[in-house]
């Protein structure tokens, strides 16, 4: 098993049924997944957005949140810190003006890069930016 950085887009299908869920589950059980504090905030944000949109009931969202927190507490995920250097790196990459990077995605890349870890994502734009920056990335794609 290798330590690999998982962004939020890759983890959501593990906790909620989505077209990528089976692929994600298979891969997650083979990796030693690492996440940052940003993943925790984004996962909760995704749950809240789905509840507000009526796509997920509150009880189910609370169960998912509890399960994710239990996984964190049990050490299923290696938790990587967000540091000032990550924010500076993200700023500099965004400031290149040639990458399709949103601030949170740039932070995910900075954490993966600094830790020397490949990135696992379900976000095509993020995978493309990772490639442009020389960061190894695995992109989940729907089978079709």
N, C-alpha and C. Protein backbone atom coordinates (compact mmCIF):
# COMPACT_ATOMS: atom_id res chain seq x y z
N UNK A 1 0.84 -1.19 0.00
CA UNK A 1 0.00 0.00 0.00
C UNK A 1 0.88 1.24 0.00
N UNK A 2 0.46 2.21 -0.77
CA UNK A 2 1.21 3.46 -0.85
C UNK A 2 0.38 4.60 -0.31
N UNK A 3 1.06 5.55 0.33
CA UNK A 3 0.39 6.75 0.82
C UNK A 3 0.05 7.62 -0.38
N UNK A 4 -1.23 8.03 -0.48
CA UNK A 4 -1.74 8.79 -1.61
C UNK A 4 -2.68 9.86 -1.07
N UNK A 5 -2.60 11.07 -1.64
CA UNK A 5 -3.48 12.17 -1.21
C UNK A 5 -4.80 12.10 -1.96
N UNK A 6 -5.90 12.05 -1.22
CA UNK A 6 -7.25 12.01 -1.78
C UNK A 6 -7.91 13.36 -1.60
N UNK A 7 -8.40 13.95 -2.69
CA UNK A 7 -9.16 15.19 -2.55
C UNK A 7 -10.63 14.84 -2.31
N UNK A 8 -11.42 15.84 -2.01
CA UNK A 8 -12.81 15.64 -1.61
C UNK A 8 -13.65 15.01 -2.72
N UNK A 9 -13.41 15.41 -3.95
CA UNK A 9 -14.22 14.88 -5.06
C UNK A 9 -14.08 13.36 -5.18
N UNK A 10 -12.94 12.84 -4.78
CA UNK A 10 -12.73 11.39 -4.84
C UNK A 10 -13.33 10.68 -3.63
N UNK A 11 -13.46 11.37 -2.51
CA UNK A 11 -13.99 10.72 -1.30
C UNK A 11 -15.51 10.72 -1.22
N UNK A 12 -16.15 11.73 -1.76
CA UNK A 12 -17.61 11.81 -1.65
C UNK A 12 -18.29 10.54 -2.15
N UNK A 13 -17.87 9.98 -3.31
CA UNK A 13 -18.52 8.75 -3.77
C UNK A 13 -18.29 7.53 -2.87
N UNK A 14 -17.35 7.62 -1.96
CA UNK A 14 -17.16 6.54 -0.99
C UNK A 14 -18.29 6.56 0.04
N UNK A 15 -18.72 7.76 0.39
CA UNK A 15 -19.70 7.92 1.45
C UNK A 15 -21.14 8.07 0.95
N UNK A 16 -21.30 8.48 -0.30
CA UNK A 16 -22.62 8.65 -0.89
C UNK A 16 -22.70 7.88 -2.20
N UNK A 17 -23.83 7.26 -2.48
CA UNK A 17 -23.95 6.50 -3.73
C UNK A 17 -23.89 7.43 -4.94
N UNK A 18 -22.93 7.17 -5.79
CA UNK A 18 -22.73 7.94 -7.01
C UNK A 18 -22.20 6.98 -8.06
N UNK A 19 -22.20 7.38 -9.34
CA UNK A 19 -21.69 6.48 -10.38
C UNK A 19 -20.27 5.98 -10.14
N UNK A 20 -19.44 6.76 -9.46
CA UNK A 20 -18.05 6.37 -9.23
C UNK A 20 -17.84 5.55 -7.95
N UNK A 21 -18.89 5.30 -7.21
CA UNK A 21 -18.75 4.69 -5.88
C UNK A 21 -17.99 3.37 -5.88
N UNK A 22 -18.30 2.48 -6.81
CA UNK A 22 -17.64 1.17 -6.82
C UNK A 22 -16.14 1.31 -7.09
N UNK A 23 -15.78 2.14 -8.08
CA UNK A 23 -14.37 2.37 -8.38
C UNK A 23 -13.63 2.96 -7.19
N UNK A 24 -14.28 3.95 -6.57
CA UNK A 24 -13.66 4.64 -5.43
C UNK A 24 -13.45 3.67 -4.28
N UNK A 25 -14.45 2.87 -3.97
CA UNK A 25 -14.34 1.93 -2.86
C UNK A 25 -13.19 0.95 -3.10
N UNK A 26 -13.10 0.43 -4.30
CA UNK A 26 -12.03 -0.52 -4.63
C UNK A 26 -10.66 0.12 -4.45
N UNK A 27 -10.49 1.32 -4.97
CA UNK A 27 -9.19 2.00 -4.90
C UNK A 27 -8.86 2.42 -3.46
N UNK A 28 -9.85 2.93 -2.74
CA UNK A 28 -9.61 3.43 -1.38
C UNK A 28 -9.10 2.32 -0.47
N UNK A 29 -9.58 1.12 -0.66
CA UNK A 29 -9.17 0.01 0.19
C UNK A 29 -7.78 -0.51 -0.17
N UNK A 30 -7.25 -0.09 -1.32
CA UNK A 30 -5.90 -0.49 -1.74
C UNK A 30 -4.85 0.54 -1.34
N UNK A 31 -5.27 1.78 -1.12
CA UNK A 31 -4.35 2.87 -0.79
C UNK A 31 -4.20 3.06 0.71
N UNK A 32 -3.18 3.80 1.08
CA UNK A 32 -3.12 4.41 2.41
C UNK A 32 -3.51 5.85 2.17
N UNK A 33 -4.81 6.18 2.35
CA UNK A 33 -5.27 7.51 1.98
C UNK A 33 -4.84 8.60 2.97
N UNK A 34 -4.42 9.71 2.40
CA UNK A 34 -4.08 10.89 3.19
C UNK A 34 -5.05 11.99 2.80
N UNK A 35 -5.45 12.79 3.77
CA UNK A 35 -6.35 13.93 3.54
C UNK A 35 -5.82 15.12 4.33
N UNK A 36 -6.25 16.29 3.94
CA UNK A 36 -5.92 17.49 4.70
C UNK A 36 -7.16 17.96 5.44
N UNK A 37 -6.98 18.95 6.29
CA UNK A 37 -8.12 19.53 7.00
C UNK A 37 -9.13 20.11 6.00
N UNK A 38 -8.65 20.54 4.85
CA UNK A 38 -9.53 21.09 3.82
C UNK A 38 -10.55 20.05 3.35
N UNK A 39 -10.15 18.80 3.25
CA UNK A 39 -11.06 17.74 2.84
C UNK A 39 -12.21 17.62 3.83
N UNK A 40 -11.90 17.70 5.10
CA UNK A 40 -12.94 17.62 6.14
C UNK A 40 -13.97 18.73 5.96
N UNK A 41 -13.51 19.95 5.78
CA UNK A 41 -14.42 21.09 5.62
C UNK A 41 -15.23 20.95 4.33
N UNK A 42 -14.56 20.56 3.25
CA UNK A 42 -15.27 20.43 1.98
C UNK A 42 -16.29 19.29 2.00
N UNK A 43 -15.98 18.19 2.68
CA UNK A 43 -16.93 17.09 2.77
C UNK A 43 -18.19 17.54 3.51
N UNK A 44 -18.02 18.24 4.60
CA UNK A 44 -19.18 18.75 5.35
C UNK A 44 -19.94 19.77 4.51
N UNK A 45 -19.24 20.59 3.76
CA UNK A 45 -19.88 21.57 2.88
C UNK A 45 -20.72 20.86 1.82
N UNK A 46 -20.19 19.79 1.25
CA UNK A 46 -20.92 19.02 0.25
C UNK A 46 -22.19 18.42 0.86
N UNK A 47 -22.08 17.87 2.05
CA UNK A 47 -23.25 17.31 2.72
C UNK A 47 -24.31 18.39 2.97
N UNK A 48 -23.87 19.54 3.46
CA UNK A 48 -24.80 20.63 3.75
C UNK A 48 -25.49 21.11 2.46
N UNK A 49 -24.72 21.22 1.40
CA UNK A 49 -25.29 21.67 0.12
C UNK A 49 -26.34 20.67 -0.37
N UNK A 50 -26.06 19.37 -0.25
CA UNK A 50 -27.00 18.35 -0.69
C UNK A 50 -28.27 18.34 0.18
N UNK A 51 -28.13 18.61 1.46
CA UNK A 51 -29.30 18.70 2.34
C UNK A 51 -30.15 19.90 1.94
N UNK A 52 -29.52 21.04 1.76
CA UNK A 52 -30.25 22.26 1.37
C UNK A 52 -30.95 22.10 0.03
N UNK A 53 -30.33 21.35 -0.89
CA UNK A 53 -30.91 21.16 -2.23
C UNK A 53 -31.96 20.05 -2.24
N UNK A 54 -32.15 19.37 -1.10
CA UNK A 54 -33.13 18.30 -1.04
C UNK A 54 -32.65 16.99 -1.66
N UNK A 55 -31.35 16.88 -1.92
CA UNK A 55 -30.78 15.66 -2.51
C UNK A 55 -30.42 14.62 -1.46
N UNK A 56 -30.40 15.04 -0.20
CA UNK A 56 -29.98 14.17 0.90
C UNK A 56 -30.74 14.60 2.14
N UNK A 57 -31.31 13.65 2.88
CA UNK A 57 -32.00 14.06 4.10
C UNK A 57 -30.98 14.26 5.23
N UNK A 58 -31.36 15.05 6.17
CA UNK A 58 -30.46 15.46 7.25
C UNK A 58 -29.93 14.27 8.05
N UNK A 59 -30.78 13.31 8.33
CA UNK A 59 -30.38 12.14 9.12
C UNK A 59 -29.27 11.38 8.40
N UNK A 60 -29.44 11.18 7.08
CA UNK A 60 -28.42 10.48 6.30
C UNK A 60 -27.12 11.29 6.29
N UNK A 61 -27.24 12.60 6.12
CA UNK A 61 -26.05 13.47 6.12
C UNK A 61 -25.31 13.37 7.46
N UNK A 62 -26.05 13.36 8.55
CA UNK A 62 -25.43 13.25 9.87
C UNK A 62 -24.73 11.91 10.04
N UNK A 63 -25.32 10.84 9.50
CA UNK A 63 -24.68 9.52 9.57
C UNK A 63 -23.38 9.50 8.78
N UNK A 64 -23.41 10.09 7.60
CA UNK A 64 -22.20 10.15 6.77
C UNK A 64 -21.12 10.95 7.47
N UNK A 65 -21.50 12.10 8.03
CA UNK A 65 -20.54 12.95 8.74
C UNK A 65 -19.93 12.19 9.92
N UNK A 66 -20.75 11.48 10.67
CA UNK A 66 -20.26 10.70 11.81
C UNK A 66 -19.31 9.60 11.38
N UNK A 67 -19.65 8.92 10.29
CA UNK A 67 -18.79 7.85 9.78
C UNK A 67 -17.44 8.41 9.33
N UNK A 68 -17.47 9.52 8.61
CA UNK A 68 -16.22 10.14 8.17
C UNK A 68 -15.36 10.54 9.37
N UNK A 69 -15.98 11.16 10.37
CA UNK A 69 -15.23 11.56 11.57
C UNK A 69 -14.68 10.34 12.30
N UNK A 70 -15.44 9.25 12.34
CA UNK A 70 -14.95 8.02 12.97
C UNK A 70 -13.74 7.49 12.20
N UNK A 71 -13.80 7.54 10.88
CA UNK A 71 -12.66 7.11 10.08
C UNK A 71 -11.43 7.96 10.38
N UNK A 72 -11.63 9.26 10.54
CA UNK A 72 -10.50 10.14 10.90
C UNK A 72 -9.95 9.75 12.27
N UNK A 73 -10.84 9.60 13.24
CA UNK A 73 -10.43 9.28 14.61
C UNK A 73 -9.73 7.93 14.71
N UNK A 74 -10.17 6.98 13.88
CA UNK A 74 -9.60 5.63 13.92
C UNK A 74 -8.28 5.52 13.14
N UNK A 75 -7.90 6.60 12.47
CA UNK A 75 -6.64 6.59 11.74
C UNK A 75 -6.73 5.95 10.36
N UNK A 76 -7.95 5.79 9.84
CA UNK A 76 -8.10 5.26 8.49
C UNK A 76 -7.41 6.18 7.48
N UNK A 77 -7.50 7.48 7.75
CA UNK A 77 -6.85 8.48 6.90
C UNK A 77 -5.63 9.05 7.63
N UNK A 78 -4.58 9.28 6.89
CA UNK A 78 -3.46 10.07 7.40
C UNK A 78 -3.87 11.53 7.22
N UNK A 79 -3.83 12.29 8.28
CA UNK A 79 -4.26 13.68 8.20
C UNK A 79 -3.02 14.56 8.04
N UNK A 80 -3.02 15.34 6.95
CA UNK A 80 -1.91 16.24 6.66
C UNK A 80 -2.33 17.67 7.01
N UNK A 81 -1.43 18.43 7.62
CA UNK A 81 -1.78 19.80 8.02
C UNK A 81 -1.80 20.75 6.83
N UNK A 82 -2.52 21.82 6.99
CA UNK A 82 -2.45 22.96 6.06
C UNK A 82 -1.58 24.01 6.74
N UNK A 83 -0.56 24.43 6.06
CA UNK A 83 0.39 25.38 6.64
C UNK A 83 0.49 26.62 5.76
N UNK A 84 1.09 27.65 6.29
CA UNK A 84 1.25 28.90 5.54
C UNK A 84 1.95 28.66 4.21
N UNK A 85 2.90 27.75 4.18
CA UNK A 85 3.62 27.47 2.93
C UNK A 85 2.69 26.93 1.85
N UNK A 86 1.66 26.18 2.24
CA UNK A 86 0.70 25.68 1.27
C UNK A 86 -0.11 26.82 0.65
N UNK A 87 -0.48 27.78 1.48
CA UNK A 87 -1.23 28.93 0.98
C UNK A 87 -0.38 29.77 0.03
N UNK A 88 0.89 29.96 0.36
CA UNK A 88 1.79 30.71 -0.54
C UNK A 88 1.97 29.97 -1.86
N UNK A 89 2.16 28.66 -1.80
CA UNK A 89 2.34 27.87 -3.01
C UNK A 89 1.07 27.94 -3.87
N UNK A 90 -0.08 27.78 -3.25
CA UNK A 90 -1.35 27.86 -3.98
C UNK A 90 -1.51 29.23 -4.63
N UNK A 91 -1.19 30.27 -3.88
CA UNK A 91 -1.27 31.63 -4.43
C UNK A 91 -0.37 31.78 -5.65
N UNK A 92 0.84 31.28 -5.54
CA UNK A 92 1.80 31.40 -6.65
C UNK A 92 1.33 30.62 -7.88
N UNK A 93 0.78 29.44 -7.67
CA UNK A 93 0.29 28.66 -8.81
C UNK A 93 -0.91 29.34 -9.47
N UNK A 94 -1.83 29.84 -8.67
CA UNK A 94 -2.98 30.57 -9.22
C UNK A 94 -2.48 31.81 -9.95
N UNK A 95 -1.46 32.47 -9.39
CA UNK A 95 -0.88 33.68 -9.96
C UNK A 95 -0.14 33.47 -11.27
N UNK A 96 0.03 32.23 -11.67
CA UNK A 96 0.62 31.97 -13.00
C UNK A 96 -0.37 32.37 -14.09
N UNK A 97 -1.64 32.34 -13.75
CA UNK A 97 -2.73 32.73 -14.65
C UNK A 97 -2.90 31.81 -15.86
N UNK A 98 -2.24 30.67 -15.87
CA UNK A 98 -2.38 29.76 -17.00
C UNK A 98 -2.98 28.42 -16.60
N UNK A 99 -3.37 28.28 -15.34
CA UNK A 99 -3.96 27.03 -14.86
C UNK A 99 -5.42 27.26 -14.48
N UNK A 100 -6.23 26.25 -14.72
CA UNK A 100 -7.64 26.31 -14.35
C UNK A 100 -7.78 25.87 -12.89
N UNK A 101 -7.33 26.72 -11.97
CA UNK A 101 -7.29 26.37 -10.55
C UNK A 101 -8.18 27.28 -9.72
N UNK A 102 -9.03 26.67 -8.91
CA UNK A 102 -9.75 27.40 -7.88
C UNK A 102 -8.90 27.32 -6.61
N UNK A 103 -9.13 28.22 -5.69
CA UNK A 103 -8.31 28.28 -4.48
C UNK A 103 -8.25 26.95 -3.73
N UNK A 104 -9.39 26.30 -3.44
CA UNK A 104 -9.30 25.03 -2.70
C UNK A 104 -8.50 23.97 -3.46
N UNK A 105 -8.68 23.92 -4.78
CA UNK A 105 -7.94 22.93 -5.57
C UNK A 105 -6.44 23.20 -5.53
N UNK A 106 -6.06 24.46 -5.58
CA UNK A 106 -4.64 24.81 -5.49
C UNK A 106 -4.08 24.38 -4.14
N UNK A 107 -4.88 24.50 -3.09
CA UNK A 107 -4.43 24.05 -1.76
C UNK A 107 -4.27 22.54 -1.72
N UNK A 108 -5.22 21.80 -2.31
CA UNK A 108 -5.07 20.34 -2.37
C UNK A 108 -3.75 19.98 -3.07
N UNK A 109 -3.49 20.63 -4.19
CA UNK A 109 -2.26 20.33 -4.94
C UNK A 109 -1.02 20.69 -4.13
N UNK A 110 -1.07 21.80 -3.42
CA UNK A 110 0.09 22.21 -2.61
C UNK A 110 0.37 21.20 -1.51
N UNK A 111 -0.67 20.68 -0.88
CA UNK A 111 -0.48 19.67 0.17
C UNK A 111 0.12 18.40 -0.42
N UNK A 112 -0.43 17.94 -1.55
CA UNK A 112 0.08 16.72 -2.19
C UNK A 112 1.53 16.92 -2.62
N UNK A 113 1.81 18.05 -3.26
CA UNK A 113 3.16 18.33 -3.76
C UNK A 113 4.18 18.38 -2.61
N UNK A 114 3.84 19.11 -1.56
CA UNK A 114 4.75 19.28 -0.43
C UNK A 114 5.04 17.94 0.25
N UNK A 115 4.02 17.09 0.32
CA UNK A 115 4.19 15.77 0.95
C UNK A 115 4.81 14.75 -0.01
N UNK A 116 4.95 15.13 -1.28
CA UNK A 116 5.52 14.22 -2.27
C UNK A 116 4.59 13.06 -2.60
N UNK A 117 3.28 13.33 -2.55
CA UNK A 117 2.30 12.28 -2.76
C UNK A 117 1.55 12.45 -4.08
N UNK A 118 1.19 11.34 -4.72
CA UNK A 118 0.30 11.44 -5.87
C UNK A 118 -1.09 11.85 -5.39
N UNK A 119 -1.85 12.41 -6.30
CA UNK A 119 -3.21 12.89 -6.02
C UNK A 119 -4.23 11.94 -6.63
N UNK A 120 -5.29 11.65 -5.88
CA UNK A 120 -6.43 10.90 -6.39
C UNK A 120 -7.60 11.87 -6.40
N UNK A 121 -8.27 12.00 -7.56
CA UNK A 121 -9.35 12.96 -7.69
C UNK A 121 -10.40 12.47 -8.67
N UNK A 122 -11.57 13.08 -8.60
CA UNK A 122 -12.62 12.84 -9.59
C UNK A 122 -12.87 14.13 -10.37
N UNK A 123 -11.99 15.10 -10.22
CA UNK A 123 -12.12 16.42 -10.84
C UNK A 123 -11.12 16.53 -11.99
N UNK A 124 -11.65 16.55 -13.21
CA UNK A 124 -10.78 16.55 -14.38
C UNK A 124 -9.90 17.80 -14.46
N UNK A 125 -10.44 18.97 -14.14
CA UNK A 125 -9.64 20.19 -14.19
C UNK A 125 -8.50 20.13 -13.18
N UNK A 126 -8.77 19.57 -12.01
CA UNK A 126 -7.73 19.44 -10.99
C UNK A 126 -6.65 18.47 -11.46
N UNK A 127 -7.05 17.37 -12.06
CA UNK A 127 -6.08 16.40 -12.57
C UNK A 127 -5.21 17.03 -13.66
N UNK A 128 -5.80 17.83 -14.52
CA UNK A 128 -5.04 18.50 -15.57
C UNK A 128 -4.05 19.51 -14.98
N UNK A 129 -4.47 20.25 -13.97
CA UNK A 129 -3.56 21.20 -13.32
C UNK A 129 -2.44 20.46 -12.62
N UNK A 130 -2.76 19.34 -11.99
CA UNK A 130 -1.72 18.53 -11.34
C UNK A 130 -0.68 18.11 -12.36
N UNK A 131 -1.14 17.62 -13.50
CA UNK A 131 -0.23 17.18 -14.55
C UNK A 131 0.65 18.34 -15.02
N UNK A 132 0.06 19.52 -15.19
CA UNK A 132 0.82 20.68 -15.63
C UNK A 132 1.90 21.08 -14.62
N UNK A 133 1.65 20.77 -13.35
CA UNK A 133 2.60 21.11 -12.29
C UNK A 133 3.56 19.97 -11.97
N UNK A 134 3.44 18.88 -12.70
CA UNK A 134 4.33 17.74 -12.47
C UNK A 134 3.95 16.88 -11.29
N UNK A 135 2.68 16.95 -10.88
CA UNK A 135 2.19 16.14 -9.76
C UNK A 135 1.45 14.94 -10.34
N UNK A 136 1.87 13.76 -9.95
CA UNK A 136 1.20 12.54 -10.42
C UNK A 136 -0.25 12.55 -9.95
N UNK A 137 -1.18 12.25 -10.85
CA UNK A 137 -2.59 12.26 -10.50
C UNK A 137 -3.31 11.07 -11.10
N UNK A 138 -4.23 10.52 -10.33
CA UNK A 138 -5.12 9.47 -10.81
C UNK A 138 -6.51 10.08 -10.85
N UNK A 139 -7.16 10.02 -12.02
CA UNK A 139 -8.49 10.60 -12.20
C UNK A 139 -9.53 9.49 -12.34
N UNK A 140 -10.52 9.51 -11.43
CA UNK A 140 -11.66 8.62 -11.57
C UNK A 140 -12.54 9.16 -12.69
N UNK A 141 -12.98 8.28 -13.55
CA UNK A 141 -13.90 8.67 -14.62
C UNK A 141 -15.03 7.66 -14.70
N UNK A 142 -16.22 8.17 -15.01
CA UNK A 142 -17.37 7.28 -15.15
C UNK A 142 -17.13 6.34 -16.31
N UNK A 143 -17.48 5.08 -16.09
CA UNK A 143 -17.38 4.08 -17.15
C UNK A 143 -18.58 4.26 -18.06
N UNK A 144 -18.38 4.26 -19.33
CA UNK A 144 -19.53 4.49 -20.18
C UNK A 144 -19.33 3.96 -21.49
